[in-house]
Amino acid sequence: MSLIQTGKVNMNSTNAVETTGGDTSTFTRVTFPTPFPQGSQVVVFPQTQTFNGPETPGVRIHDVTETGFLIRMNEVLAGAVKSDGTHTTETIGWLAATV
């Protein structure tokens, strides 16, 4: 039986695009309303819910655990064009479930 939780977070980006794998210094911690049972394998599905900025916001997640995850807005790169990384506030909805 899977357990599911949902939520949303308002976030923006005032930092350059993060291109160093594992550098989570600019990520935000999201804590689940109720922790999943210890030992659970949790997956998180984030999705932008708004369209407030002209560039396409990418969403990165990291360190998913039974208690929460890290999330960061990281604008999408298109070909040779590199985003400056800054982005206005958007609402990011998320769904977390056990597998």
N, C-alpha and C. Protein backbone atom coordinates (compact mmCIF):
# COMPACT_ATOMS: atom_id res chain seq x y z
N MET A 1 0.85 -1.18 0.00
CA MET A 1 0.00 0.00 0.00
C MET A 1 0.89 1.24 0.00
N SER A 2 0.61 2.16 -0.91
CA SER A 2 1.37 3.41 -0.99
C SER A 2 0.76 4.47 -0.08
N LEU A 3 1.62 5.29 0.47
CA LEU A 3 1.19 6.45 1.23
C LEU A 3 1.48 7.68 0.38
N ILE A 4 0.60 8.68 0.42
CA ILE A 4 0.75 9.87 -0.42
C ILE A 4 0.55 11.12 0.43
N GLN A 5 1.38 12.13 0.15
CA GLN A 5 1.21 13.46 0.75
C GLN A 5 1.40 14.48 -0.36
N THR A 6 0.77 15.63 -0.21
CA THR A 6 0.89 16.70 -1.20
C THR A 6 1.15 18.02 -0.49
N GLY A 7 1.60 18.98 -1.26
CA GLY A 7 1.82 20.30 -0.69
C GLY A 7 2.26 21.27 -1.78
N LYS A 8 2.56 22.49 -1.37
CA LYS A 8 3.07 23.47 -2.31
C LYS A 8 3.99 24.42 -1.57
N VAL A 9 4.86 25.05 -2.34
CA VAL A 9 5.83 25.99 -1.78
C VAL A 9 5.97 27.14 -2.78
N ASN A 10 5.99 28.37 -2.27
CA ASN A 10 6.27 29.52 -3.11
C ASN A 10 7.75 29.79 -3.05
N MET A 11 8.39 29.89 -4.22
CA MET A 11 9.82 30.11 -4.23
C MET A 11 10.24 30.91 -5.46
N ASN A 12 11.39 31.56 -5.31
CA ASN A 12 11.99 32.27 -6.43
C ASN A 12 13.45 31.89 -6.47
N SER A 13 14.18 32.47 -7.42
CA SER A 13 15.60 32.23 -7.50
C SER A 13 16.32 33.55 -7.64
N THR A 14 17.22 33.81 -6.72
CA THR A 14 18.06 35.01 -6.79
C THR A 14 19.50 34.62 -7.06
N ASN A 15 19.73 33.34 -7.36
CA ASN A 15 21.08 32.81 -7.57
C ASN A 15 21.30 32.43 -9.03
N ALA A 16 22.56 32.38 -9.39
CA ALA A 16 22.92 31.91 -10.74
C ALA A 16 22.49 30.45 -10.90
N VAL A 17 22.41 30.00 -12.14
CA VAL A 17 22.11 28.61 -12.41
C VAL A 17 23.16 27.75 -11.73
N GLU A 18 22.70 26.71 -11.03
CA GLU A 18 23.63 25.81 -10.35
C GLU A 18 24.06 24.73 -11.33
N THR A 19 25.35 24.64 -11.59
CA THR A 19 25.88 23.67 -12.54
C THR A 19 26.83 22.67 -11.90
N THR A 20 27.03 22.77 -10.59
CA THR A 20 27.92 21.85 -9.89
C THR A 20 27.09 20.77 -9.20
N GLY A 21 27.21 19.55 -9.68
CA GLY A 21 26.46 18.45 -9.10
C GLY A 21 26.72 18.31 -7.61
N GLY A 22 25.67 18.13 -6.84
CA GLY A 22 25.81 17.93 -5.40
C GLY A 22 25.88 19.19 -4.57
N ASP A 23 26.03 20.37 -5.21
CA ASP A 23 26.07 21.63 -4.44
C ASP A 23 24.64 22.04 -4.14
N THR A 24 24.22 21.83 -2.90
CA THR A 24 22.83 22.13 -2.51
C THR A 24 22.74 23.36 -1.62
N SER A 25 23.76 24.20 -1.65
CA SER A 25 23.79 25.37 -0.77
C SER A 25 22.69 26.38 -1.07
N THR A 26 22.11 26.34 -2.27
CA THR A 26 21.04 27.28 -2.62
C THR A 26 19.66 26.61 -2.66
N PHE A 27 19.57 25.39 -2.16
CA PHE A 27 18.30 24.68 -2.13
C PHE A 27 17.53 25.05 -0.86
N THR A 28 16.22 24.82 -0.90
CA THR A 28 15.33 25.06 0.23
C THR A 28 14.83 23.71 0.75
N ARG A 29 14.80 23.53 2.06
CA ARG A 29 14.31 22.30 2.66
C ARG A 29 12.79 22.35 2.78
N VAL A 30 12.11 21.33 2.27
CA VAL A 30 10.67 21.15 2.44
C VAL A 30 10.48 19.98 3.39
N THR A 31 9.69 20.18 4.43
CA THR A 31 9.42 19.12 5.41
C THR A 31 7.99 18.63 5.20
N PHE A 32 7.83 17.32 5.13
CA PHE A 32 6.49 16.75 4.96
C PHE A 32 5.63 17.06 6.18
N PRO A 33 4.31 17.26 5.99
CA PRO A 33 3.42 17.50 7.13
C PRO A 33 3.50 16.38 8.17
N THR A 34 3.61 15.14 7.68
CA THR A 34 3.77 13.97 8.54
C THR A 34 4.89 13.12 7.98
N PRO A 35 5.90 12.78 8.77
CA PRO A 35 6.97 11.94 8.23
C PRO A 35 6.43 10.59 7.76
N PHE A 36 7.02 10.08 6.69
CA PHE A 36 6.68 8.73 6.24
C PHE A 36 7.33 7.74 7.20
N PRO A 37 6.84 6.49 7.25
CA PRO A 37 7.42 5.50 8.16
C PRO A 37 8.92 5.30 7.88
N GLN A 38 9.68 5.09 8.95
CA GLN A 38 11.11 4.88 8.83
C GLN A 38 11.39 3.72 7.88
N GLY A 39 12.36 3.89 6.99
CA GLY A 39 12.72 2.86 6.02
C GLY A 39 11.93 2.94 4.72
N SER A 40 10.99 3.87 4.62
CA SER A 40 10.20 4.01 3.39
C SER A 40 11.06 4.52 2.24
N GLN A 41 10.76 4.06 1.05
CA GLN A 41 11.36 4.62 -0.15
C GLN A 41 10.36 5.65 -0.69
N VAL A 42 10.76 6.92 -0.69
CA VAL A 42 9.87 8.02 -1.05
C VAL A 42 10.29 8.62 -2.39
N VAL A 43 9.33 8.91 -3.24
CA VAL A 43 9.57 9.63 -4.49
C VAL A 43 8.78 10.93 -4.44
N VAL A 44 9.34 11.99 -5.04
CA VAL A 44 8.69 13.30 -5.05
C VAL A 44 8.53 13.76 -6.50
N PHE A 45 7.33 14.26 -6.82
CA PHE A 45 7.02 14.79 -8.14
C PHE A 45 6.67 16.26 -8.01
N PRO A 46 7.61 17.19 -8.34
CA PRO A 46 7.31 18.62 -8.27
C PRO A 46 6.79 19.14 -9.62
N GLN A 47 5.96 20.16 -9.60
CA GLN A 47 5.44 20.75 -10.83
C GLN A 47 5.13 22.23 -10.60
N THR A 48 5.59 23.08 -11.50
CA THR A 48 5.28 24.51 -11.41
C THR A 48 3.79 24.71 -11.65
N GLN A 49 3.14 25.47 -10.76
CA GLN A 49 1.69 25.69 -10.83
C GLN A 49 1.32 27.05 -11.41
N THR A 50 2.31 27.95 -11.58
CA THR A 50 2.04 29.31 -12.03
C THR A 50 2.91 29.65 -13.23
N PHE A 51 2.64 30.81 -13.83
CA PHE A 51 3.40 31.29 -15.00
C PHE A 51 3.62 32.78 -14.78
N ASN A 52 4.51 33.11 -13.83
CA ASN A 52 4.74 34.50 -13.45
C ASN A 52 5.95 35.13 -14.12
N GLY A 53 6.89 34.34 -14.57
CA GLY A 53 8.10 34.87 -15.20
C GLY A 53 8.16 34.50 -16.66
N PRO A 54 8.90 35.28 -17.47
CA PRO A 54 8.95 35.02 -18.90
C PRO A 54 9.79 33.80 -19.29
N GLU A 55 10.78 33.41 -18.45
CA GLU A 55 11.59 32.24 -18.75
C GLU A 55 10.97 31.00 -18.13
N THR A 56 11.36 29.85 -18.64
CA THR A 56 10.83 28.58 -18.14
C THR A 56 11.58 28.17 -16.89
N PRO A 57 10.87 28.05 -15.75
CA PRO A 57 11.55 27.63 -14.54
C PRO A 57 11.73 26.12 -14.49
N GLY A 58 12.95 25.70 -14.25
CA GLY A 58 13.21 24.30 -14.01
C GLY A 58 13.19 24.08 -12.51
N VAL A 59 12.81 22.91 -12.08
CA VAL A 59 12.78 22.60 -10.65
C VAL A 59 13.68 21.40 -10.42
N ARG A 60 14.60 21.54 -9.47
CA ARG A 60 15.50 20.45 -9.11
C ARG A 60 15.19 20.01 -7.69
N ILE A 61 15.23 18.70 -7.44
CA ILE A 61 15.07 18.19 -6.08
C ILE A 61 16.27 17.32 -5.74
N HIS A 62 16.51 17.18 -4.43
CA HIS A 62 17.65 16.41 -3.96
C HIS A 62 17.36 15.94 -2.53
N ASP A 63 18.05 14.91 -2.11
CA ASP A 63 18.01 14.44 -0.73
C ASP A 63 16.58 14.15 -0.25
N VAL A 64 15.87 13.31 -1.01
CA VAL A 64 14.53 12.90 -0.60
C VAL A 64 14.66 11.86 0.51
N THR A 65 13.99 12.13 1.64
CA THR A 65 14.02 11.23 2.79
C THR A 65 12.58 11.01 3.28
N GLU A 66 12.45 10.29 4.38
CA GLU A 66 11.12 10.08 4.97
C GLU A 66 10.54 11.36 5.56
N THR A 67 11.38 12.36 5.79
CA THR A 67 10.91 13.59 6.45
C THR A 67 10.77 14.78 5.52
N GLY A 68 11.32 14.71 4.31
CA GLY A 68 11.22 15.84 3.39
C GLY A 68 12.23 15.76 2.27
N PHE A 69 12.51 16.91 1.63
CA PHE A 69 13.41 16.95 0.49
C PHE A 69 13.94 18.37 0.31
N LEU A 70 14.98 18.49 -0.51
CA LEU A 70 15.51 19.79 -0.90
C LEU A 70 14.99 20.13 -2.29
N ILE A 71 14.70 21.42 -2.51
CA ILE A 71 14.17 21.84 -3.80
C ILE A 71 14.81 23.18 -4.19
N ARG A 72 14.98 23.38 -5.48
CA ARG A 72 15.55 24.62 -5.99
C ARG A 72 14.97 24.91 -7.37
N MET A 73 14.72 26.18 -7.63
CA MET A 73 14.34 26.60 -8.97
C MET A 73 15.64 26.81 -9.73
N ASN A 74 15.76 26.21 -10.91
CA ASN A 74 16.96 26.28 -11.74
C ASN A 74 16.48 26.44 -13.17
N GLU A 75 16.48 27.68 -13.68
CA GLU A 75 15.90 27.92 -15.00
C GLU A 75 16.45 26.95 -16.04
N VAL A 76 15.59 26.61 -16.99
CA VAL A 76 15.92 25.67 -18.04
C VAL A 76 16.95 26.29 -18.99
N LEU A 77 17.94 25.49 -19.36
CA LEU A 77 18.93 25.91 -20.35
C LEU A 77 18.47 25.42 -21.71
N ALA A 78 18.61 26.27 -22.73
CA ALA A 78 18.19 25.90 -24.09
C ALA A 78 19.38 25.98 -25.04
N GLY A 79 19.89 24.83 -25.44
CA GLY A 79 21.01 24.80 -26.38
C GLY A 79 22.23 25.51 -25.82
N ALA A 80 22.77 26.46 -26.61
CA ALA A 80 23.96 27.21 -26.19
C ALA A 80 23.60 28.41 -25.32
N VAL A 81 22.30 28.68 -25.17
CA VAL A 81 21.87 29.83 -24.37
C VAL A 81 21.85 29.42 -22.91
N LYS A 82 22.51 30.20 -22.07
CA LYS A 82 22.57 29.90 -20.64
C LYS A 82 21.78 30.95 -19.87
N SER A 83 20.85 30.52 -19.07
CA SER A 83 20.04 31.41 -18.25
C SER A 83 20.89 32.06 -17.18
N ASP A 84 20.47 33.25 -16.74
CA ASP A 84 21.17 33.90 -15.63
C ASP A 84 20.77 33.30 -14.29
N GLY A 85 19.70 32.49 -14.28
CA GLY A 85 19.31 31.78 -13.06
C GLY A 85 18.28 32.48 -12.20
N THR A 86 18.17 33.81 -12.32
CA THR A 86 17.20 34.50 -11.48
C THR A 86 15.80 34.30 -12.03
N HIS A 87 14.84 34.21 -11.13
CA HIS A 87 13.45 33.99 -11.55
C HIS A 87 12.52 34.52 -10.46
N THR A 88 11.41 35.07 -10.89
CA THR A 88 10.42 35.61 -9.97
C THR A 88 9.73 34.48 -9.20
N THR A 89 8.93 34.82 -8.23
CA THR A 89 8.27 33.82 -7.39
C THR A 89 7.23 33.03 -8.17
N GLU A 90 7.30 31.74 -8.04
CA GLU A 90 6.34 30.80 -8.63
C GLU A 90 5.85 29.87 -7.52
N THR A 91 4.69 29.28 -7.73
CA THR A 91 4.17 28.27 -6.82
C THR A 91 4.52 26.90 -7.40
N ILE A 92 5.18 26.10 -6.57
CA ILE A 92 5.57 24.75 -6.97
C ILE A 92 4.73 23.77 -6.15
N GLY A 93 3.91 22.98 -6.83
CA GLY A 93 3.15 21.94 -6.16
C GLY A 93 3.97 20.67 -6.15
N TRP A 94 3.78 19.83 -5.15
CA TRP A 94 4.50 18.57 -5.10
C TRP A 94 3.62 17.46 -4.56
N LEU A 95 3.92 16.27 -5.00
CA LEU A 95 3.27 15.04 -4.55
C LEU A 95 4.38 14.08 -4.12
N ALA A 96 4.31 13.56 -2.93
CA ALA A 96 5.28 12.58 -2.44
C ALA A 96 4.55 11.28 -2.14
N ALA A 97 5.16 10.18 -2.52
CA ALA A 97 4.53 8.87 -2.30
C ALA A 97 5.60 7.84 -1.99
N THR A 98 5.18 6.79 -1.32
CA THR A 98 6.07 5.65 -1.09
C THR A 98 5.95 4.68 -2.25
N VAL A 99 7.05 3.98 -2.51
CA VAL A 99 7.03 2.98 -3.60
C VAL A 99 7.36 1.62 -3.04
